[in-house]
Amino acid sequence: MLITMPKSLRKNYSQQFTHQILQADINLGHQMQERIAKLEQALKFESMLHRISKKVLVSLDENYILQTAINELALELETACCATLLLNPKPQIFTSHSLAMPIMPVCEAEIISPSSNSEIDQQLRQGKYVQFCPNTSSNQGRYTLFASPIVNNNEIFGTLWVIWDISKILEDSDIYVVQQVANQCAIAIHQSRLYQAAQKQVEELKRLNEVKDDFLNTVTHDLRAPLSNMRLAADMLEHQLTEERRVCGHISQQNSACSKTLSHLKILQAECERGITLINDLLDLQRLETEKEPLNTDAINLEDWLHYIIQPFEKRIEQRQLALKLDFAPNLPTLLSNSAHLQRIFSELLHNACKYTPPHETISLTVLAELEQVQICVSNSGVEIPSKELPRIFEKFYRVPSSDRWKQGGTGLGLALVKNVVEHLNGSIEVESRDGQTSFTVKLPISPVI
């Protein structure tokens, strides 16, 4: 059976349905507006956080970091005041540091000098934020205070305070923003203090290095004069004893005594020479490290000059039953460099090669020419430096453990001085040791760098 709805009733239902649709559309519009407003606010806050982070994280100045953070925060959150307190390690109290605007007197006691036993202070020291409205009289107005600890890795640096001149409950977005700004401040302060600590260490190391240099300079100067006098006295005694030995040579007893005294004098002369060499090396190192002396250059025919440098070592090489191998590239260029410095470099390298190469092994001197530099390599076979020792081979006073199998001694300054002299000549030196062979390669510019 078909029932027909009256026309008036159908019209009423239609109006109600239309009204519901319109109301739902209005509600949806409101929700969309609220959602858009929240998204815009979130974007605004994120933009602000990015801006604050960019400013505070590039600075190492704590005052700038904190002042910038609270100025930006006060502007964006439309607060009555922003302030930061830093924790003073001794006596572990928060002290006033930065202000964005003057603190209202009614809030000053709560912020500037909170009791160390107060609930607020304890909450902040535990790394938790606090929000409260101080009790004020009606004529003083209403205020809302929010504080977040400035903490990084459980280390509290201080507190960040935000004050509104109304009584309100903060939204989660406000709390989030303040906490994020406090976190950025904590990271920036941590970086700043790490940098300051590193700078203090650098300054202390610099001071100690200057003290060491002054000490070495004083000691070496004070030692060189008496050692030189001792060597001179020993030379004069040697000359006198040699003359007396010649005159009294027919008396065997006196001749024997003179011979013994002369042998002792030889030891004294050798030790004096060793001490003077050490002192001169120290002074040369000191000068190269602290002064940039002008580079006086000579035109050097490499092949002739290297033969001249090798000549004093040929007898020692023969006595030690070593082989010498020379490999010079043809048409070597004329080298513009300091011949005295070069002699110091290669005399030391050849001296070490003779000193540490076992009998029946080979010392090689190889010279190559490239477009703008020459490469001179001194190598010796039968000896190898442990790979872990190679990075320290050019350090002052460093000697490779157990490498001096014949106990010939040394100061550990030779290679350090070589490296400094090579660098003074705008060159470089490298060491390689493997497969029973050790090589020192010096690279020098054909013409000096002005």
Protein backbone atom coordinates (compact mmCIF):
# COMPACT_ATOMS: atom_id res chain seq x y z
CA MET A 1 0.00 0.00 0.00
CA LEU A 2 1.55 3.34 -1.07
CA ILE A 3 1.51 6.17 1.49
CA THR A 4 1.88 9.70 0.15
CA MET A 5 3.67 12.29 2.39
CA PRO A 6 1.90 15.59 2.59
CA LYS A 7 3.48 18.36 0.54
CA SER A 8 4.05 20.60 3.57
CA LEU A 9 5.89 17.82 5.40
CA ARG A 10 8.10 17.14 2.40
CA LYS A 11 8.97 20.80 2.25
CA ASN A 12 9.83 20.83 5.97
CA TYR A 13 12.16 17.82 5.62
CA SER A 14 13.81 19.40 2.61
CA GLN A 15 14.48 22.60 4.53
CA GLN A 16 15.91 20.67 7.49
CA PHE A 17 18.18 18.64 5.21
CA THR A 18 19.38 21.75 3.43
CA HIS A 19 20.03 23.44 6.77
CA GLN A 20 22.04 20.42 7.98
CA ILE A 21 24.12 20.44 4.81
CA LEU A 22 24.77 24.16 5.15
CA GLN A 23 25.67 23.75 8.84
CA ALA A 24 28.00 20.85 8.04
CA ASP A 25 29.61 22.95 5.34
CA ILE A 26 30.03 25.84 7.77
CA ASN A 27 31.51 23.53 10.42
CA LEU A 28 33.85 22.01 7.85
CA GLY A 29 34.90 25.48 6.79
CA HIS A 30 35.63 26.41 10.41
CA GLN A 31 37.62 23.21 10.88
CA MET A 32 39.55 23.89 7.71
CA GLN A 33 40.27 27.44 8.86
CA GLU A 34 41.42 26.18 12.25
CA ARG A 35 43.58 23.53 10.60
CA ILE A 36 45.06 26.08 8.19
CA ALA A 37 45.67 28.50 11.07
CA LYS A 38 47.46 25.78 13.04
CA LEU A 39 49.54 24.83 10.00
CA GLU A 40 50.43 28.46 9.39
CA GLN A 41 51.37 28.85 13.04
CA ALA A 42 53.46 25.67 12.90
CA LEU A 43 55.22 26.91 9.77
CA LYS A 44 55.77 30.27 11.43
CA PHE A 45 57.27 28.60 14.50
CA GLU A 46 59.45 26.27 12.41
CA SER A 47 60.67 29.23 10.37
CA MET A 48 61.45 31.10 13.58
CA LEU A 49 63.28 28.09 15.05
CA HIS A 50 65.30 27.71 11.86
CA ARG A 51 66.18 31.40 11.93
CA ILE A 52 67.18 31.31 15.60
CA SER A 53 69.18 28.10 15.12
CA LYS A 54 70.99 29.58 12.15
CA LYS A 55 71.96 32.65 14.16
CA VAL A 56 72.98 31.05 17.44
CA LEU A 57 74.77 27.97 16.10
CA VAL A 58 77.20 29.98 13.96
CA SER A 59 78.38 32.03 16.93
CA LEU A 60 80.79 31.08 19.71
CA ASP A 61 79.91 34.12 21.84
CA GLU A 62 77.60 33.13 24.71
CA ASN A 63 76.32 36.70 25.16
CA TYR A 64 75.35 36.93 21.50
CA ILE A 65 73.77 33.46 21.54
CA LEU A 66 71.49 34.14 24.50
CA GLN A 67 70.62 37.73 23.58
CA THR A 68 69.72 36.75 20.02
CA ALA A 69 67.54 33.86 21.18
CA ILE A 70 65.46 35.88 23.66
CA ASN A 71 65.09 38.86 21.31
CA GLU A 72 63.67 36.62 18.58
CA LEU A 73 61.50 34.73 21.04
CA ALA A 74 60.04 37.89 22.58
CA LEU A 75 59.20 39.24 19.13
CA GLU A 76 57.55 36.07 17.81
CA LEU A 77 55.57 35.08 20.93
CA GLU A 78 54.53 38.68 21.73
CA THR A 79 55.69 38.38 25.32
CA ALA A 80 56.05 41.02 27.98
CA CYS A 81 59.61 39.88 28.73
CA CYS A 82 62.19 37.18 28.03
CA ALA A 83 65.24 36.48 30.15
CA THR A 84 68.01 33.94 30.59
CA LEU A 85 69.86 32.90 33.71
CA LEU A 86 73.16 31.03 33.67
CA LEU A 87 74.13 28.48 36.29
CA ASN A 88 77.16 29.65 38.21
CA PRO A 89 79.24 26.52 39.03
CA LYS A 90 80.27 28.05 42.33
CA PRO A 91 78.11 28.30 44.40
CA GLN A 92 75.69 26.50 42.03
CA ILE A 93 73.11 29.28 41.72
CA PHE A 94 71.35 30.81 38.72
CA THR A 95 72.47 34.37 38.03
CA SER A 96 70.89 37.00 35.76
CA HIS A 97 72.40 37.16 32.30
CA SER A 98 70.36 38.45 29.33
CA LEU A 99 67.09 40.42 29.04
CA ALA A 100 64.92 41.13 26.01
CA MET A 101 62.86 43.70 27.96
CA PRO A 102 62.87 44.93 31.56
CA ILE A 103 61.45 42.45 34.06
CA MET A 104 58.36 43.61 35.88
CA PRO A 105 59.06 44.06 39.60
CA VAL A 106 56.33 41.61 40.52
CA CYS A 107 58.12 38.84 38.57
CA GLU A 108 61.68 39.83 39.38
CA ALA A 109 61.90 37.93 42.66
CA GLU A 110 60.67 34.74 41.02
CA ILE A 111 63.20 34.94 38.18
CA ILE A 112 66.31 36.74 39.38
CA SER A 113 66.68 35.24 42.83
CA PRO A 114 64.65 32.06 43.23
CA SER A 115 65.36 30.20 46.43
CA SER A 116 67.63 27.21 45.89
CA ASN A 117 65.19 25.22 47.95
CA SER A 118 62.07 26.35 46.09
CA GLU A 119 59.97 23.92 44.16
CA ILE A 120 60.53 25.93 40.97
CA ASP A 121 64.29 25.82 41.34
CA GLN A 122 64.30 22.10 42.06
CA GLN A 123 62.07 21.42 39.05
CA LEU A 124 64.40 23.31 36.74
CA ARG A 125 67.50 21.60 38.12
CA GLN A 126 65.89 18.26 37.29
CA GLY A 127 65.60 19.33 33.65
CA LYS A 128 61.82 19.93 33.73
CA TYR A 129 59.94 23.03 32.61
CA VAL A 130 57.67 25.05 34.92
CA GLN A 131 54.61 27.20 34.28
CA PHE A 132 52.85 29.31 36.91
CA CYS A 133 51.10 32.57 37.67
CA PRO A 134 52.54 34.48 40.64
CA ASN A 135 50.21 35.75 43.34
CA THR A 136 49.73 39.46 42.73
CA SER A 137 47.29 42.12 43.88
CA SER A 138 44.62 43.30 41.47
CA ASN A 139 46.39 46.60 40.73
CA GLN A 140 49.59 44.76 39.76
CA GLY A 141 47.90 42.81 37.00
CA ARG A 142 48.13 39.17 36.04
CA TYR A 143 51.20 37.44 34.65
CA THR A 144 52.09 34.03 33.27
CA LEU A 145 55.65 32.77 33.71
CA PHE A 146 57.17 29.86 31.82
CA ALA A 147 60.72 28.57 32.35
CA SER A 148 62.64 25.88 30.46
CA PRO A 149 66.07 24.55 31.47
CA ILE A 150 68.93 25.12 29.02
CA VAL A 151 70.36 21.61 29.16
CA ASN A 152 72.58 19.46 26.94
CA ASN A 153 73.56 15.86 27.71
CA ASN A 154 72.26 16.21 31.28
CA GLU A 155 74.45 19.29 31.84
CA ILE A 156 72.39 22.32 32.87
CA PHE A 157 73.79 25.62 31.64
CA GLY A 158 70.95 27.86 32.78
CA THR A 159 67.25 28.65 32.33
CA LEU A 160 65.15 30.46 29.72
CA TRP A 161 62.23 32.52 31.07
CA VAL A 162 59.23 33.82 29.10
CA ILE A 163 56.64 36.17 30.67
CA TRP A 164 53.20 37.14 29.37
CA ASP A 165 51.28 40.03 30.94
CA ILE A 166 48.08 38.01 31.01
CA SER A 167 46.95 34.97 32.91
CA LYS A 168 46.67 32.01 30.56
CA ILE A 169 47.36 28.34 30.06
CA LEU A 170 50.06 27.88 27.43
CA GLU A 171 49.34 25.85 24.35
CA ASP A 172 51.52 22.88 23.47
CA SER A 173 52.92 24.81 20.49
CA ASP A 174 54.16 27.64 22.75
CA ILE A 175 55.80 25.18 25.13
CA TYR A 176 57.39 23.32 22.20
CA VAL A 177 58.86 26.51 20.73
CA VAL A 178 60.37 27.72 24.00
CA GLN A 179 61.87 24.29 24.72
CA GLN A 180 63.34 24.05 21.22
CA VAL A 181 64.92 27.50 21.54
CA ALA A 182 66.35 26.45 24.93
CA ASN A 183 67.76 23.28 23.32
CA GLN A 184 69.40 25.29 20.52
CA CYS A 185 70.92 27.64 23.10
CA ALA A 186 72.26 24.64 25.04
CA ILE A 187 73.92 23.18 21.94
CA ALA A 188 75.43 26.55 21.01
CA ILE A 189 76.71 27.15 24.57
CA HIS A 190 78.20 23.64 24.64
CA GLN A 191 80.03 24.33 21.38
CA SER A 192 81.18 27.71 22.66
CA ARG A 193 82.62 26.25 25.86
CA LEU A 194 84.31 23.40 24.00
CA TYR A 195 85.92 25.98 21.73
CA GLN A 196 86.99 28.10 24.70
CA ALA A 197 88.50 25.04 26.41
CA ALA A 198 90.33 24.12 23.21
CA GLN A 199 91.62 27.68 22.87
CA LYS A 200 92.92 27.59 26.43
CA GLN A 201 94.73 24.33 25.69
CA VAL A 202 96.20 25.82 22.51
CA GLU A 203 97.37 28.91 24.41
CA GLU A 204 98.87 26.75 27.15
CA LEU A 205 100.65 24.54 24.62
CA LYS A 206 101.89 27.65 22.85
CA ARG A 207 103.17 29.05 26.12
CA LEU A 208 104.89 25.77 27.01
CA ASN A 209 106.45 25.63 23.55
CA GLU A 210 107.78 29.16 23.98
CA VAL A 211 109.16 28.25 27.41
CA LYS A 212 110.80 25.16 25.90
CA ASP A 213 112.28 27.18 23.04
CA ASP A 214 113.59 29.82 25.44
CA PHE A 215 115.08 27.11 27.63
CA LEU A 216 116.75 25.35 24.70
CA ASN A 217 118.02 28.65 23.35
CA THR A 218 119.48 29.65 26.71
CA VAL A 219 120.98 26.24 27.44
CA THR A 220 122.51 25.80 24.00
CA HIS A 221 124.07 29.25 24.03
CA ASP A 222 125.39 28.74 27.56
CA LEU A 223 126.80 25.32 26.67
CA ARG A 224 128.37 26.13 23.32
CA ALA A 225 130.96 28.56 24.71
CA PRO A 226 132.42 26.20 27.37
CA LEU A 227 132.37 23.25 24.97
CA SER A 228 134.18 25.29 22.34
CA ASN A 229 136.76 26.31 24.95
CA MET A 230 137.17 22.66 26.01
CA ARG A 231 137.72 21.61 22.41
CA LEU A 232 140.27 24.39 21.92
CA ALA A 233 142.10 23.39 25.11
CA ALA A 234 142.09 19.72 24.02
CA ASP A 235 143.51 20.69 20.61
CA MET A 236 146.28 22.68 22.26
CA LEU A 237 147.08 19.81 24.65
CA GLU A 238 147.18 17.39 21.73
CA HIS A 239 149.58 19.65 19.87
CA GLN A 240 151.78 20.02 22.99
CA LEU A 241 151.82 16.28 23.75
CA THR A 242 152.57 15.42 20.14
CA GLU A 243 155.53 17.77 20.24
CA GLU A 244 156.75 16.35 23.57
CA ARG A 245 156.35 12.83 22.24
CA ARG A 246 158.49 13.74 19.25
CA VAL A 247 161.18 15.21 21.50
CA CYS A 248 161.10 12.40 24.09
CA GLY A 249 160.40 9.60 21.68
CA HIS A 250 163.62 7.74 22.68
CA ILE A 251 162.34 7.26 26.23
CA SER A 252 159.87 4.40 25.95
CA GLN A 253 158.16 5.01 29.29
CA GLN A 254 157.41 8.66 28.49
CA ASN A 255 156.40 7.70 24.96
CA SER A 256 153.88 5.19 26.34
CA ALA A 257 152.45 7.76 28.77
CA CYS A 258 152.11 10.30 25.97
CA SER A 259 150.31 7.76 23.78
CA LYS A 260 147.83 6.97 26.55
CA THR A 261 147.20 10.67 27.23
CA LEU A 262 146.72 11.32 23.53
CA SER A 263 144.12 8.54 23.28
CA HIS A 264 142.21 10.11 26.18
CA LEU A 265 142.41 13.48 24.47
CA LYS A 266 140.96 11.95 21.30
CA ILE A 267 137.94 10.79 23.32
CA LEU A 268 137.57 14.25 24.85
CA GLN A 269 137.79 15.90 21.44
CA ALA A 270 135.22 13.52 19.94
CA GLU A 271 132.75 14.13 22.78
CA CYS A 272 133.27 17.90 22.58
CA GLU A 273 132.62 17.73 18.85
CA ARG A 274 129.49 15.66 19.43
CA GLY A 275 128.20 18.14 22.01
CA ILE A 276 128.91 21.13 19.76
CA THR A 277 127.17 19.39 16.84
CA LEU A 278 124.10 18.77 19.01
CA ILE A 279 124.03 22.40 20.13
CA ASN A 280 124.43 23.68 16.57
CA ASP A 281 121.60 21.40 15.40
CA LEU A 282 119.35 22.71 18.18
CA LEU A 283 120.15 26.31 17.29
CA ASP A 284 119.57 25.66 13.58
CA LEU A 285 116.22 24.02 14.32
CA GLN A 286 115.26 26.89 16.57
CA ARG A 287 116.14 29.41 13.89
CA LEU A 288 114.31 27.55 11.11
CA GLU A 289 111.15 27.18 13.22
CA THR A 290 111.00 30.73 14.53
CA GLU A 291 112.55 32.85 11.78
CA LYS A 292 111.96 33.03 8.04
CA GLU A 293 115.45 33.82 6.81
CA PRO A 294 115.90 34.88 3.17
CA LEU A 295 116.76 32.10 0.73
CA ASN A 296 120.07 32.80 -0.99
CA THR A 297 120.38 30.66 -4.10
CA ASP A 298 123.26 29.30 -6.17
CA ALA A 299 123.28 27.81 -9.66
CA ILE A 300 124.14 24.15 -9.00
CA ASN A 301 125.27 21.59 -11.58
CA LEU A 302 123.60 18.60 -9.96
CA GLU A 303 125.79 15.81 -11.28
CA ASP A 304 129.09 17.52 -10.39
CA TRP A 305 127.75 18.72 -7.06
CA LEU A 306 126.47 15.27 -6.01
CA HIS A 307 129.83 13.66 -6.86
CA TYR A 308 131.44 16.30 -4.63
CA ILE A 309 129.01 15.49 -1.77
CA ILE A 310 129.57 11.73 -2.09
CA GLN A 311 133.38 11.93 -2.10
CA PRO A 312 133.87 12.22 1.71
CA PHE A 313 131.72 9.09 2.23
CA GLU A 314 133.50 6.82 -0.28
CA LYS A 315 136.24 5.75 2.15
CA ARG A 316 133.71 5.02 4.90
CA ILE A 317 131.58 2.99 2.46
CA GLU A 318 134.64 0.95 1.50
CA GLN A 319 135.67 0.41 5.14
CA ARG A 320 132.18 -0.88 5.99
CA GLN A 321 132.21 -3.25 3.00
CA LEU A 322 129.26 -1.54 1.33
CA ALA A 323 128.45 -1.01 -2.34
CA LEU A 324 127.58 2.42 -3.76
CA LYS A 325 125.22 2.65 -6.73
CA LEU A 326 124.68 5.93 -8.61
CA ASP A 327 121.80 6.40 -11.05
CA PHE A 328 121.59 9.91 -12.51
CA ALA A 329 119.14 10.79 -15.26
CA PRO A 330 120.77 12.29 -18.38
CA ASN A 331 120.74 16.04 -19.01
CA LEU A 332 120.00 17.05 -15.45
CA PRO A 333 118.93 20.72 -15.20
CA THR A 334 120.81 23.40 -13.32
CA LEU A 335 119.24 23.69 -9.89
CA LEU A 336 118.72 27.11 -8.31
CA SER A 337 118.93 26.48 -4.58
CA ASN A 338 121.10 27.01 -1.51
CA SER A 339 124.16 24.76 -1.76
CA ALA A 340 124.97 24.92 1.97
CA HIS A 341 121.45 23.78 2.89
CA LEU A 342 121.55 21.03 0.27
CA GLN A 343 124.88 19.80 1.61
CA ARG A 344 123.36 19.66 5.10
CA ILE A 345 120.44 17.57 3.81
CA PHE A 346 122.32 14.97 1.78
CA SER A 347 125.30 14.71 4.13
CA GLU A 348 122.87 13.73 6.89
CA LEU A 349 121.01 11.22 4.68
CA LEU A 350 124.26 9.63 3.43
CA HIS A 351 125.67 9.61 6.96
CA ASN A 352 122.59 7.70 8.19
CA ALA A 353 122.78 5.30 5.25
CA CYS A 354 126.43 4.49 6.06
CA LYS A 355 125.63 4.24 9.75
CA TYR A 356 122.73 1.78 9.56
CA THR A 357 123.45 -0.32 6.44
CA PRO A 358 124.80 -3.83 7.23
CA PRO A 359 128.01 -5.04 5.51
CA HIS A 360 127.75 -6.31 1.91
CA GLU A 361 124.56 -4.27 1.29
CA THR A 362 124.06 -1.35 -1.10
CA ILE A 363 123.58 2.41 -0.77
CA SER A 364 121.89 3.94 -3.82
CA LEU A 365 121.63 7.55 -4.95
CA THR A 366 119.04 8.14 -7.67
CA VAL A 367 118.32 11.48 -9.37
CA LEU A 368 115.35 12.17 -11.66
CA ALA A 369 114.30 15.41 -13.36
CA GLU A 370 110.69 16.38 -13.95
CA LEU A 371 109.12 19.45 -15.52
CA GLU A 372 109.50 21.82 -12.55
CA GLN A 373 111.31 19.77 -9.92
CA VAL A 374 114.12 17.33 -9.28
CA GLN A 375 113.75 14.17 -7.25
CA ILE A 376 116.77 12.86 -5.33
CA CYS A 377 116.47 9.53 -3.54
CA VAL A 378 118.91 8.07 -1.00
CA SER A 379 118.17 4.42 -0.26
CA ASN A 380 119.92 1.57 1.50
CA SER A 381 119.24 -2.15 1.49
CA GLY A 382 119.37 -4.64 4.33
CA VAL A 383 117.49 -2.44 6.80
CA GLU A 384 113.80 -1.73 7.28
CA ILE A 385 111.97 0.72 9.57
CA PRO A 386 108.74 -0.67 11.11
CA SER A 387 105.69 0.90 9.45
CA LYS A 388 104.28 2.09 12.79
CA GLU A 389 107.46 4.15 13.36
CA LEU A 390 107.44 5.93 9.98
CA PRO A 391 104.98 8.73 10.95
CA ARG A 392 107.33 9.79 13.77
CA ILE A 393 110.62 9.49 11.90
CA PHE A 394 111.00 13.28 11.46
CA GLU A 395 110.10 14.22 15.05
CA LYS A 396 112.70 16.00 17.16
CA PHE A 397 114.69 13.70 19.48
CA TYR A 398 112.86 10.63 18.16
CA ARG A 399 114.93 7.54 17.42
CA VAL A 400 113.53 4.28 16.08
CA PRO A 401 113.69 1.67 18.88
CA SER A 402 116.22 -1.14 18.29
CA SER A 403 117.32 0.27 14.91
CA ASP A 404 120.86 1.09 16.08
CA ARG A 405 122.13 -2.48 16.13
CA TRP A 406 125.76 -1.33 16.45
CA LYS A 407 124.99 1.14 19.29
CA GLN A 408 126.56 4.04 17.43
CA GLY A 409 124.41 6.60 19.23
CA GLY A 410 122.80 9.77 17.99
CA THR A 411 120.64 12.67 19.11
CA GLY A 412 117.48 12.13 17.08
CA LEU A 413 117.78 15.64 15.62
CA GLY A 414 119.29 14.84 12.22
CA LEU A 415 116.12 13.96 10.30
CA ALA A 416 114.08 16.66 12.06
CA LEU A 417 116.64 19.19 10.88
CA VAL A 418 116.65 17.69 7.37
CA LYS A 419 112.87 18.06 7.11
CA ASN A 420 112.97 21.68 8.27
CA VAL A 421 115.75 22.57 5.84
CA VAL A 422 113.95 20.84 2.93
CA GLU A 423 110.77 22.78 3.69
CA HIS A 424 112.79 25.98 3.96
CA LEU A 425 113.90 25.28 0.37
CA ASN A 426 110.19 24.93 -0.59
CA GLY A 427 110.64 21.20 -1.08
CA SER A 428 109.29 18.02 0.48
CA ILE A 429 110.73 14.79 1.85
CA GLU A 430 109.15 11.35 2.06
CA VAL A 431 110.28 8.08 3.60
CA GLU A 432 109.38 4.57 2.48
CA SER A 433 110.55 1.33 4.05
CA ARG A 434 109.58 -2.13 2.85
CA ASP A 435 110.99 -5.35 1.42
CA GLY A 436 114.27 -4.86 3.29
CA GLN A 437 114.97 -1.41 1.86
CA THR A 438 114.57 2.14 3.19
CA SER A 439 114.36 5.18 0.90
CA PHE A 440 114.33 8.92 1.59
CA THR A 441 113.09 10.93 -1.39
CA VAL A 442 113.67 14.69 -1.54
CA LYS A 443 111.71 16.76 -4.07
CA LEU A 444 112.97 20.26 -4.80
CA PRO A 445 111.78 22.96 -7.20
CA ILE A 446 114.24 23.64 -10.01
CA SER A 447 113.74 27.36 -9.43
CA PRO A 448 112.92 28.76 -5.98
CA VAL A 449 109.40 29.97 -5.22
CA ILE A 450 109.51 33.71 -4.62
